[in-house]
Amino acid sequence: MAAEPATEPSLDEIVALCKRRGFVFQTSEIYGGLGSTYDYGHYGVLLRMNVKDEWWRSMLRDRDDVVAIDSAILQHPRTWEASGHLEGFTDPLVQCLGKCKRRWREDHVRSEQLGAEDAQGEIVCPNCGGELSPPRQFNLMFKTHMGPVEDSGTEVFLRPETAQGIFVNFKNVLGFARKKPPFGIAQIGKSFRNEITPGNFVFRMREFEQMEMEFFVPPPEAERWHEHWMEQRMGWYTDLGIRPDHLRLREHGAEELSHYSSATSDVEYLFPMGWSELEGIANRGDFDLTQHARFSSEKLEYFDQATGDRYVPYVIEPAAGVDRAMLAFMVDAYDVEEVEGRKRTVLRLHPRLAPNKAAVLPLVSKEGMPERAREVFGDVRAKMPAEFDEGGSIGKRYRRQDEIGTPWCITIDGDTLADGTVTLRDRDSLEQTRVAAEEIADLLADRLDQAWTSPKLA
């Protein structure tokens, strides 16, 4: 297991690392940026890709009762009528009447200033202390138009969640997947919400990526499967290195439950800004399929030919965010320690999540070392994602790979040319060992295989 971080990072430290090492940038930065939208650099792309791969692994490759789908971002407008988003997907908006004119979610301001969302009393602008307007409901869906003419008949919306694309395809999936309840339909995709007060870096954005799975079950089995998926999803995070004492499962109170939910629990992580939601696991009942059947006049039910039973399945939904998960893994892996009198910043990411598994470094850019290093790099890259790094001193390159989260560094030096061995450096222990160059690729492949089969290895 990786060592416990010596200190807990601030969000500013994570943001600085992301910018410095090419994980995340402010979008349109040369124009001053655009509020709460971000671009992912090379290492951010790789890290997010690994997070998604691990989610797919847990849903598809490790199970035989879940199938995949990829639904369109633009759905028929009736989809959002049936789901309740057109009328009910709103937040209470207040606007500063003083100097700054900024807009805020009333429930957030009320909770922060008075201690409870339903507390009575006067609230003021959090920015300038000015008077706030009476609240009005603000729909969170982005609206656009389809076709050449902008009139009410062509209004469409960017989806605020991926779930509805699964529900409207329930009948299609039943037709080809040869599955019967209990079974799930999973997808990863972009969603869009016109949040009033997004923030905390990539934790809350207007454009984000979701990992959602709808698990359809016979109604009497819903409670049991809800418990199953809460256990599974908690285990997914801890298996990939999240510290158990920084993770918790919080059950929603009756006043928090969505109108369609009989039970919901959030997987929460202790972020720098406090305990916050990573994903929700909800028992949605039969609300979604019933609504879409009513609005579309299509039967969205399951008929069991063996028993003659016909019913609308209940749905258990684990819904997670790619961006939030990535942020949690980075926060949990971030560490600053003192090594030989100097501070070292390191991302102790699980090898399965690390953007690169190995880096090959020639000690100097002469004496045939770069050429020999390229040969070793070719062997390693054939086995796993790897990087060739020859810019700067060897110490600076080690520090760069530490901050990227690379588990293993391979250094080609004078001894490599003399006896055919390389130096293998471990990111977490800093142990350095000599290994035969022709054996290094297979050795690291074995270690990586252990990380696949032993999920808590890091």
Protein backbone atom coordinates (compact mmCIF):
# COMPACT_ATOMS: atom_id res chain seq x y z
CA MET A 1 0.00 0.00 0.00
CA ALA A 2 1.11 3.56 -0.68
CA ALA A 3 2.18 5.66 2.28
CA GLU A 4 -0.29 7.97 3.97
CA PRO A 5 0.10 11.57 2.78
CA ALA A 6 2.09 13.69 5.20
CA THR A 7 -0.24 16.67 4.73
CA GLU A 8 -3.72 17.31 3.35
CA PRO A 9 -3.58 19.49 0.23
CA SER A 10 -5.52 22.68 -0.34
CA LEU A 11 -7.59 23.07 -3.48
CA ASP A 12 -5.17 25.80 -4.60
CA GLU A 13 -2.30 23.31 -4.48
CA ILE A 14 -4.24 20.85 -6.64
CA VAL A 15 -5.14 23.59 -9.13
CA ALA A 16 -1.49 24.69 -9.31
CA LEU A 17 -0.29 21.13 -9.94
CA CYS A 18 -2.92 20.62 -12.64
CA LYS A 19 -1.79 23.76 -14.47
CA ARG A 20 1.93 23.12 -13.96
CA ARG A 21 1.90 19.52 -15.16
CA GLY A 22 -0.70 19.76 -17.90
CA PHE A 23 -3.70 18.06 -16.29
CA VAL A 24 -6.28 20.86 -16.47
CA PHE A 25 -6.39 24.42 -17.89
CA GLN A 26 -8.94 27.20 -17.75
CA THR A 27 -10.76 27.09 -21.07
CA SER A 28 -10.26 30.01 -23.50
CA GLU A 29 -7.57 31.28 -21.15
CA ILE A 30 -6.07 33.67 -23.71
CA TYR A 31 -9.45 35.47 -23.77
CA GLY A 32 -9.78 35.62 -20.00
CA GLY A 33 -11.47 32.25 -19.60
CA LEU A 34 -15.11 31.21 -19.38
CA GLY A 35 -16.72 30.66 -16.01
CA SER A 36 -16.40 27.14 -14.60
CA THR A 37 -15.37 25.49 -17.86
CA TYR A 38 -12.05 23.72 -18.24
CA ASP A 39 -9.86 22.03 -20.84
CA TYR A 40 -7.91 18.85 -20.09
CA GLY A 41 -4.27 18.61 -21.05
CA HIS A 42 -2.37 15.45 -22.00
CA TYR A 43 -2.06 13.95 -18.52
CA GLY A 44 -5.59 14.97 -17.58
CA VAL A 45 -6.90 13.19 -20.68
CA LEU A 46 -4.97 10.04 -19.77
CA LEU A 47 -6.06 10.12 -16.13
CA ARG A 48 -9.73 10.65 -17.03
CA MET A 49 -9.48 7.88 -19.62
CA ASN A 50 -8.17 5.51 -16.95
CA VAL A 51 -10.96 6.49 -14.54
CA LYS A 52 -13.52 5.72 -17.24
CA ASP A 53 -11.79 2.46 -18.18
CA GLU A 54 -11.91 1.35 -14.55
CA TRP A 55 -15.62 2.20 -14.37
CA TRP A 56 -16.31 0.23 -17.54
CA ARG A 57 -14.25 -2.63 -16.15
CA SER A 58 -16.38 -2.73 -13.01
CA MET A 59 -19.63 -2.54 -14.98
CA LEU A 60 -18.96 -4.69 -18.05
CA ARG A 61 -15.82 -6.79 -17.85
CA ASP A 62 -16.28 -7.90 -14.25
CA ARG A 63 -20.03 -8.62 -14.66
CA ASP A 64 -22.34 -10.30 -17.15
CA ASP A 65 -25.56 -8.50 -16.19
CA VAL A 66 -24.80 -5.01 -17.57
CA VAL A 67 -24.73 -3.83 -21.21
CA ALA A 68 -23.49 -0.57 -22.70
CA ILE A 69 -25.20 2.24 -24.59
CA ASP A 70 -24.21 5.66 -25.91
CA SER A 71 -27.23 7.92 -26.32
CA ALA A 72 -27.37 11.30 -28.06
CA ILE A 73 -26.83 14.58 -26.25
CA LEU A 74 -29.88 16.03 -28.02
CA GLN A 75 -33.12 14.21 -27.18
CA HIS A 76 -36.70 14.77 -28.30
CA PRO A 77 -38.12 17.65 -26.20
CA ARG A 78 -40.86 15.37 -24.90
CA THR A 79 -38.15 13.42 -23.10
CA TRP A 80 -37.68 16.32 -20.70
CA GLU A 81 -41.41 16.82 -20.25
CA ALA A 82 -41.81 13.19 -19.24
CA SER A 83 -38.80 13.23 -16.92
CA GLY A 84 -39.96 16.40 -15.16
CA HIS A 85 -36.87 18.40 -16.08
CA LEU A 86 -38.76 20.97 -18.12
CA GLU A 87 -40.89 22.07 -15.18
CA GLY A 88 -39.07 20.84 -12.10
CA PHE A 89 -35.34 21.06 -12.85
CA THR A 90 -34.93 24.47 -11.27
CA ASP A 91 -32.97 26.25 -8.55
CA PRO A 92 -34.05 29.31 -6.56
CA LEU A 93 -32.15 32.29 -7.99
CA VAL A 94 -31.52 35.58 -6.19
CA GLN A 95 -29.64 38.59 -7.55
CA CYS A 96 -27.65 41.20 -5.69
CA LEU A 97 -29.38 44.58 -5.82
CA GLY A 98 -26.27 46.31 -4.51
CA LYS A 99 -22.93 46.99 -6.17
CA CYS A 100 -21.87 43.65 -7.65
CA LYS A 101 -25.18 42.47 -9.24
CA ARG A 102 -24.06 38.85 -8.93
CA ARG A 103 -26.51 35.95 -8.92
CA TRP A 104 -26.67 33.24 -6.30
CA ARG A 105 -28.60 30.12 -5.37
CA GLU A 106 -30.83 31.19 -2.51
CA ASP A 107 -30.71 27.83 -0.74
CA HIS A 108 -26.89 27.84 -0.72
CA VAL A 109 -26.70 31.41 0.62
CA ARG A 110 -29.36 30.68 3.25
CA SER A 111 -27.57 27.54 4.38
CA GLU A 112 -24.17 29.29 4.62
CA GLN A 113 -25.46 32.40 6.41
CA LEU A 114 -28.21 30.99 8.62
CA GLY A 115 -27.10 27.40 9.09
CA ALA A 116 -30.01 25.56 7.44
CA GLU A 117 -31.68 25.60 4.03
CA ASP A 118 -35.12 26.19 5.48
CA ALA A 119 -34.01 28.75 8.05
CA GLN A 120 -35.98 31.97 8.21
CA GLY A 121 -34.25 35.30 8.32
CA GLU A 122 -32.60 37.92 6.19
CA ILE A 123 -29.76 36.98 3.86
CA VAL A 124 -27.38 39.31 2.03
CA CYS A 125 -25.08 39.10 -0.98
CA PRO A 126 -22.07 36.92 -0.04
CA ASN A 127 -19.82 39.06 -2.23
CA CYS A 128 -20.62 42.68 -1.33
CA GLY A 129 -23.20 42.45 1.47
CA GLY A 130 -25.88 44.08 -0.65
CA GLU A 131 -29.62 43.44 -0.59
CA LEU A 132 -30.84 40.39 -2.50
CA SER A 133 -33.87 40.21 -4.78
CA PRO A 134 -36.83 37.91 -4.05
CA PRO A 135 -36.08 34.37 -5.30
CA ARG A 136 -37.29 33.16 -8.68
CA GLN A 137 -37.03 29.70 -10.16
CA PHE A 138 -34.24 29.24 -12.71
CA ASN A 139 -34.25 26.26 -15.11
CA LEU A 140 -30.86 24.61 -15.29
CA MET A 141 -31.12 23.23 -18.82
CA PHE A 142 -29.26 24.83 -21.70
CA LYS A 143 -31.64 25.63 -24.55
CA THR A 144 -30.79 25.69 -28.23
CA HIS A 145 -32.64 25.44 -31.55
CA MET A 146 -32.69 22.74 -34.18
CA GLY A 147 -33.15 23.73 -37.80
CA PRO A 148 -32.81 27.01 -39.66
CA VAL A 149 -35.61 28.97 -37.96
CA GLU A 150 -35.60 29.95 -34.29
CA ASP A 151 -39.16 29.44 -33.16
CA SER A 152 -40.75 27.53 -30.32
CA GLY A 153 -41.27 24.47 -32.47
CA THR A 154 -37.53 23.92 -32.86
CA GLU A 155 -36.45 24.26 -29.22
CA VAL A 156 -34.23 21.45 -27.97
CA PHE A 157 -32.09 21.09 -24.88
CA LEU A 158 -28.60 19.90 -24.06
CA ARG A 159 -29.18 16.94 -21.78
CA PRO A 160 -28.74 17.68 -18.06
CA GLU A 161 -28.10 13.99 -17.33
CA THR A 162 -27.38 10.81 -19.27
CA ALA A 163 -30.00 8.70 -17.50
CA GLN A 164 -32.97 9.61 -19.70
CA GLY A 165 -31.17 8.37 -22.81
CA ILE A 166 -31.09 4.96 -21.13
CA PHE A 167 -34.76 4.94 -20.16
CA VAL A 168 -36.03 5.88 -23.62
CA ASN A 169 -33.93 3.01 -25.06
CA PHE A 170 -35.17 0.40 -22.59
CA LYS A 171 -37.36 -1.29 -25.21
CA ASN A 172 -34.56 -1.29 -27.80
CA VAL A 173 -32.11 -2.89 -25.39
CA LEU A 174 -34.62 -5.55 -24.37
CA GLY A 175 -34.93 -6.42 -28.06
CA PHE A 176 -31.23 -7.17 -28.67
CA ALA A 177 -29.48 -7.79 -25.35
CA ARG A 178 -31.24 -11.05 -24.39
CA LYS A 179 -31.32 -9.87 -20.78
CA LYS A 180 -34.06 -10.01 -18.21
CA PRO A 181 -34.32 -8.24 -14.86
CA PRO A 182 -32.16 -7.91 -12.92
CA PHE A 183 -29.88 -6.32 -15.51
CA GLY A 184 -28.30 -2.93 -16.13
CA ILE A 185 -27.67 -0.45 -18.94
CA ALA A 186 -24.58 1.72 -18.54
CA GLN A 187 -23.17 4.74 -20.32
CA ILE A 188 -20.59 7.49 -20.01
CA GLY A 189 -21.27 10.84 -21.61
CA LYS A 190 -21.32 14.62 -21.41
CA SER A 191 -24.09 16.48 -19.60
CA PHE A 192 -24.77 20.20 -19.30
CA ARG A 193 -26.27 22.26 -16.48
CA ASN A 194 -26.54 26.03 -16.40
CA GLU A 195 -25.49 26.17 -12.77
CA ILE A 196 -26.05 29.47 -10.98
CA THR A 197 -23.00 29.14 -8.73
CA PRO A 198 -20.58 26.53 -10.06
CA GLY A 199 -17.15 26.37 -8.51
CA ASN A 200 -14.48 24.49 -6.58
CA PHE A 201 -12.45 23.85 -9.73
CA VAL A 202 -13.73 20.81 -11.69
CA PHE A 203 -16.01 19.70 -8.85
CA ARG A 204 -19.00 21.65 -10.18
CA MET A 205 -19.01 22.73 -13.81
CA ARG A 206 -21.53 23.62 -16.47
CA GLU A 207 -20.17 20.97 -18.83
CA PHE A 208 -19.20 17.67 -17.23
CA GLU A 209 -19.04 13.95 -17.87
CA GLN A 210 -21.16 11.36 -16.11
CA MET A 211 -20.84 7.63 -15.52
CA GLU A 212 -24.39 6.35 -14.99
CA MET A 213 -25.90 2.90 -14.85
CA GLU A 214 -29.60 2.06 -14.58
CA PHE A 215 -30.15 -1.39 -13.05
CA PHE A 216 -33.64 -2.77 -13.77
CA VAL A 217 -35.00 -5.17 -11.16
CA PRO A 218 -38.26 -6.91 -10.21
CA PRO A 219 -39.99 -4.54 -7.74
CA PRO A 220 -39.74 -6.89 -4.73
CA GLU A 221 -35.95 -7.07 -5.17
CA ALA A 222 -35.29 -3.34 -5.31
CA GLU A 223 -34.17 -2.88 -1.72
CA ARG A 224 -31.72 -5.77 -1.89
CA TRP A 225 -30.15 -4.50 -5.11
CA HIS A 226 -29.91 -0.99 -3.71
CA GLU A 227 -27.81 -2.38 -0.86
CA HIS A 228 -25.73 -4.36 -3.35
CA TRP A 229 -24.86 -1.33 -5.45
CA MET A 230 -24.00 0.83 -2.45
CA GLU A 231 -21.49 -1.79 -1.39
CA GLN A 232 -20.11 -2.21 -4.90
CA ARG A 233 -19.62 1.48 -5.50
CA MET A 234 -17.93 2.14 -2.17
CA GLY A 235 -15.56 -0.74 -2.92
CA TRP A 236 -14.70 0.69 -6.34
CA TYR A 237 -13.18 3.81 -4.80
CA THR A 238 -11.27 2.05 -2.05
CA ASP A 239 -9.98 -0.61 -4.46
CA LEU A 240 -8.44 2.21 -6.51
CA GLY A 241 -6.65 3.69 -3.52
CA ILE A 242 -9.05 6.13 -1.85
CA ARG A 243 -8.45 6.12 1.91
CA PRO A 244 -11.49 4.57 3.64
CA ASP A 245 -11.47 7.23 6.36
CA HIS A 246 -11.88 9.91 3.67
CA LEU A 247 -14.93 8.17 2.20
CA ARG A 248 -18.40 7.72 3.61
CA LEU A 249 -21.91 6.69 2.60
CA ARG A 250 -24.56 9.21 3.65
CA GLU A 251 -28.24 8.36 3.49
CA HIS A 252 -30.62 11.09 2.36
CA GLY A 253 -33.21 12.26 4.83
CA ALA A 254 -36.87 12.32 3.85
CA GLU A 255 -36.70 16.04 3.09
CA GLU A 256 -33.79 15.52 0.65
CA LEU A 257 -35.25 12.73 -1.44
CA SER A 258 -36.20 13.41 -5.03
CA HIS A 259 -39.90 12.98 -5.72
CA TYR A 260 -39.24 9.71 -7.59
CA SER A 261 -36.86 8.19 -5.04
CA SER A 262 -37.77 5.94 -2.14
CA ALA A 263 -34.13 5.77 -0.98
CA THR A 264 -30.91 7.50 -1.98
CA SER A 265 -27.42 7.46 -0.48
CA ASP A 266 -24.44 9.55 -1.53
CA VAL A 267 -20.86 8.35 -1.67
CA GLU A 268 -19.04 11.34 -0.19
CA TYR A 269 -15.35 12.19 -0.13
CA LEU A 270 -13.51 14.55 2.21
CA PHE A 271 -12.40 17.15 -0.33
CA PRO A 272 -10.35 20.22 0.69
CA MET A 273 -13.65 22.13 0.83
CA GLY A 274 -15.24 19.49 3.09
CA TRP A 275 -17.40 16.39 2.70
CA SER A 276 -19.00 16.49 -0.76
CA GLU A 277 -20.80 14.11 -3.09
CA LEU A 278 -18.89 11.80 -5.43
CA GLU A 279 -21.89 9.87 -6.64
CA GLY A 280 -25.44 9.01 -5.71
CA ILE A 281 -27.05 5.57 -5.55
CA ALA A 282 -30.82 5.92 -5.82
CA ASN A 283 -33.84 3.63 -5.82
CA ARG A 284 -35.84 5.42 -8.52
CA GLY A 285 -38.76 2.98 -8.40
CA ASP A 286 -40.75 2.70 -11.65
CA PHE A 287 -41.15 6.46 -12.10
CA ASP A 288 -39.01 6.89 -15.23
CA LEU A 289 -40.32 3.99 -17.30
CA THR A 290 -43.90 4.78 -16.29
CA GLN A 291 -43.53 8.43 -17.27
CA HIS A 292 -41.96 7.70 -20.64
CA ALA A 293 -44.58 5.05 -21.37
CA ARG A 294 -47.33 7.57 -20.65
CA PHE A 295 -45.81 10.36 -22.75
CA SER A 296 -44.79 8.14 -25.68
CA SER A 297 -47.74 5.71 -25.64
CA GLU A 298 -45.21 2.85 -25.81
CA LYS A 299 -45.27 -0.08 -23.41
CA LEU A 300 -42.06 -0.01 -21.39
CA GLU A 301 -42.43 -3.17 -19.34
CA TYR A 302 -40.96 -6.62 -19.03
CA PHE A 303 -42.90 -9.78 -19.87
CA ASP A 304 -41.56 -13.00 -18.39
CA GLN A 305 -42.57 -15.76 -20.80
CA ALA A 306 -41.69 -18.47 -18.30
CA THR A 307 -44.05 -17.21 -15.57
CA GLY A 308 -46.46 -15.02 -17.50
CA ASP A 309 -45.63 -12.07 -15.26
CA ARG A 310 -45.74 -8.59 -16.76
CA TYR A 311 -44.39 -5.64 -14.81
CA VAL A 312 -42.60 -2.30 -15.00
CA PRO A 313 -39.15 -2.85 -13.44
CA TYR A 314 -37.84 -0.71 -10.61
CA VAL A 315 -34.54 1.05 -11.21
CA ILE A 316 -31.44 1.28 -9.03
CA GLU A 317 -29.14 4.04 -10.27
CA PRO A 318 -25.46 4.53 -9.38
CA ALA A 319 -24.58 7.91 -10.94
CA ALA A 320 -21.00 9.20 -10.70
CA GLY A 321 -19.01 12.06 -12.21
CA VAL A 322 -15.78 11.50 -14.14
CA ASP A 323 -14.45 14.94 -13.21
CA ARG A 324 -15.28 14.61 -9.52
CA ALA A 325 -13.79 11.14 -9.37
CA MET A 326 -10.59 12.36 -11.03
CA LEU A 327 -10.38 15.24 -8.56
CA ALA A 328 -10.89 12.91 -5.59
CA PHE A 329 -8.20 10.50 -6.80
CA MET A 330 -5.77 13.41 -7.27
CA VAL A 331 -6.50 14.92 -3.86
CA ASP A 332 -6.14 11.56 -2.14
CA ALA A 333 -2.87 10.80 -3.96
CA TYR A 334 -1.28 14.23 -3.46
CA ASP A 335 1.60 14.31 -1.00
CA VAL A 336 4.47 16.62 -0.10
CA GLU A 337 7.41 15.14 1.80
CA GLU A 338 10.97 16.05 2.62
CA VAL A 339 13.68 13.99 0.95
CA GLU A 340 17.32 14.77 1.76
CA GLY A 341 16.42 18.25 2.91
CA ARG A 342 14.28 19.10 -0.12
CA LYS A 343 10.52 18.99 -0.57
CA ARG A 344 9.15 16.45 -3.00
CA THR A 345 5.61 16.67 -4.41
CA VAL A 346 4.25 13.32 -5.53
CA LEU A 347 0.96 11.91 -6.81
CA ARG A 348 0.71 8.42 -5.33
CA LEU A 349 -1.89 7.33 -7.86
CA HIS A 350 -2.82 3.68 -8.10
CA PRO A 351 -0.90 2.17 -11.05
CA ARG A 352 -4.21 1.43 -12.76
CA LEU A 353 -5.00 5.16 -12.77
CA ALA A 354 -1.55 6.65 -13.39
CA PRO A 355 -1.41 8.45 -16.78
CA ASN A 356 1.90 6.72 -17.56
CA LYS A 357 3.01 3.51 -15.90
CA ALA A 358 6.71 4.02 -16.57
CA ALA A 359 9.20 6.61 -17.81
CA VAL A 360 12.54 5.89 -19.47
CA LEU A 361 15.29 8.44 -18.78
CA PRO A 362 18.79 8.54 -20.25
CA LEU A 363 21.14 9.92 -17.58
CA VAL A 364 22.76 12.29 -20.07
CA SER A 365 22.10 13.16 -23.71
CA LYS A 366 25.40 11.78 -25.02
CA GLU A 367 27.70 8.73 -25.00
CA GLY A 368 25.09 6.56 -26.69
CA MET A 369 22.69 6.69 -23.73
CA PRO A 370 19.74 8.26 -25.60
CA GLU A 371 19.99 5.61 -28.31
CA ARG A 372 20.10 2.75 -25.78
CA ALA A 373 17.28 4.38 -23.83
CA ARG A 374 15.14 4.49 -26.97
CA GLU A 375 15.62 0.73 -27.37
CA VAL A 376 14.52 0.09 -23.77
CA PHE A 377 11.63 2.53 -24.22
CA GLY A 378 10.41 0.57 -27.23
CA ASP A 379 10.36 -2.64 -25.19
CA VAL A 380 8.51 -1.03 -22.27
CA ARG A 381 6.01 0.87 -24.41
CA ALA A 382 5.02 -2.38 -26.10
CA LYS A 383 3.83 -3.62 -22.70
CA MET A 384 2.25 -0.52 -21.11
CA PRO A 385 1.73 3.26 -21.46
CA ALA A 386 5.17 4.84 -21.03
CA GLU A 387 7.06 8.07 -21.66
CA PHE A 388 10.54 8.95 -22.87
CA ASP A 389 11.94 11.86 -20.84
CA GLU A 390 15.33 13.41 -21.57
CA GLY A 391 14.87 17.14 -20.85
CA GLY A 392 16.72 18.65 -17.86
CA SER A 393 18.74 17.15 -15.04
CA ILE A 394 17.92 13.64 -13.84
CA GLY A 395 16.69 15.05 -10.52
CA LYS A 396 14.26 17.43 -12.20
CA ARG A 397 12.99 14.63 -14.41
CA TYR A 398 12.38 12.41 -11.39
CA ARG A 399 10.41 15.23 -9.74
CA ARG A 400 8.38 15.79 -12.90
CA GLN A 401 7.44 12.13 -13.11
CA ASP A 402 6.60 12.12 -9.37
CA GLU A 403 4.14 14.97 -9.89
CA ILE A 404 2.60 13.25 -12.91
CA GLY A 405 2.14 10.11 -10.80
CA THR A 406 4.37 7.74 -12.80
CA PRO A 407 4.94 4.63 -10.62
CA TRP A 408 8.32 3.56 -12.09
CA CYS A 409 11.29 5.34 -13.65
CA ILE A 410 13.99 3.51 -15.64
CA THR A 411 17.35 5.24 -15.93
CA ILE A 412 19.92 4.35 -18.57
CA ASP A 413 23.45 5.26 -17.44
CA GLY A 414 27.09 4.33 -17.98
CA ASP A 415 26.61 0.94 -16.30
CA THR A 416 23.86 0.15 -18.79
CA LEU A 417 26.36 0.46 -21.61
CA ALA A 418 28.93 -1.57 -19.65
CA ASP A 419 26.91 -4.44 -18.17
CA GLY A 420 23.41 -4.14 -19.68
CA THR A 421 21.60 -3.20 -16.45
CA VAL A 422 19.31 -0.24 -15.80
CA THR A 423 18.27 1.58 -12.62
CA LEU A 424 14.63 0.99 -11.61
CA ARG A 425 13.27 3.68 -9.28
CA ASP A 426 10.01 3.22 -7.36
CA ARG A 427 7.88 6.37 -7.03
CA ASP A 428 6.58 5.70 -3.52
CA SER A 429 9.49 4.04 -1.71
CA LEU A 430 12.23 5.79 -3.76
CA GLU A 431 14.05 2.42 -3.75
CA GLN A 432 16.49 2.04 -6.64
CA THR A 433 17.54 -1.38 -7.92
CA ARG A 434 19.61 -2.64 -10.85
CA VAL A 435 17.73 -4.79 -13.34
CA ALA A 436 18.83 -6.36 -16.62
CA ALA A 437 17.66 -4.16 -19.48
CA GLU A 438 16.20 -7.07 -21.41
CA GLU A 439 14.12 -8.07 -18.36
CA ILE A 440 12.73 -4.68 -17.34
CA ALA A 441 9.66 -4.66 -19.61
CA ASP A 442 8.49 -8.09 -18.45
CA LEU A 443 9.24 -7.25 -14.81
CA LEU A 444 7.08 -4.11 -14.91
CA ALA A 445 4.37 -5.92 -16.86
CA ASP A 446 4.22 -8.46 -14.04
CA ARG A 447 3.96 -5.68 -11.45
CA LEU A 448 1.21 -4.04 -13.45
CA ASP A 449 -0.61 -7.36 -13.71
CA GLN A 450 -0.47 -7.60 -9.93
CA ALA A 451 -2.05 -4.16 -9.75
CA TRP A 452 -4.90 -5.40 -11.99
CA THR A 453 -5.52 -8.57 -9.98
CA SER A 454 -4.73 -7.12 -6.54
CA PRO A 455 -6.91 -3.99 -6.50
CA LYS A 456 -5.50 -2.54 -3.27
CA LEU A 457 -1.91 -2.70 -4.50
CA ALA A 458 -0.51 0.76 -5.06
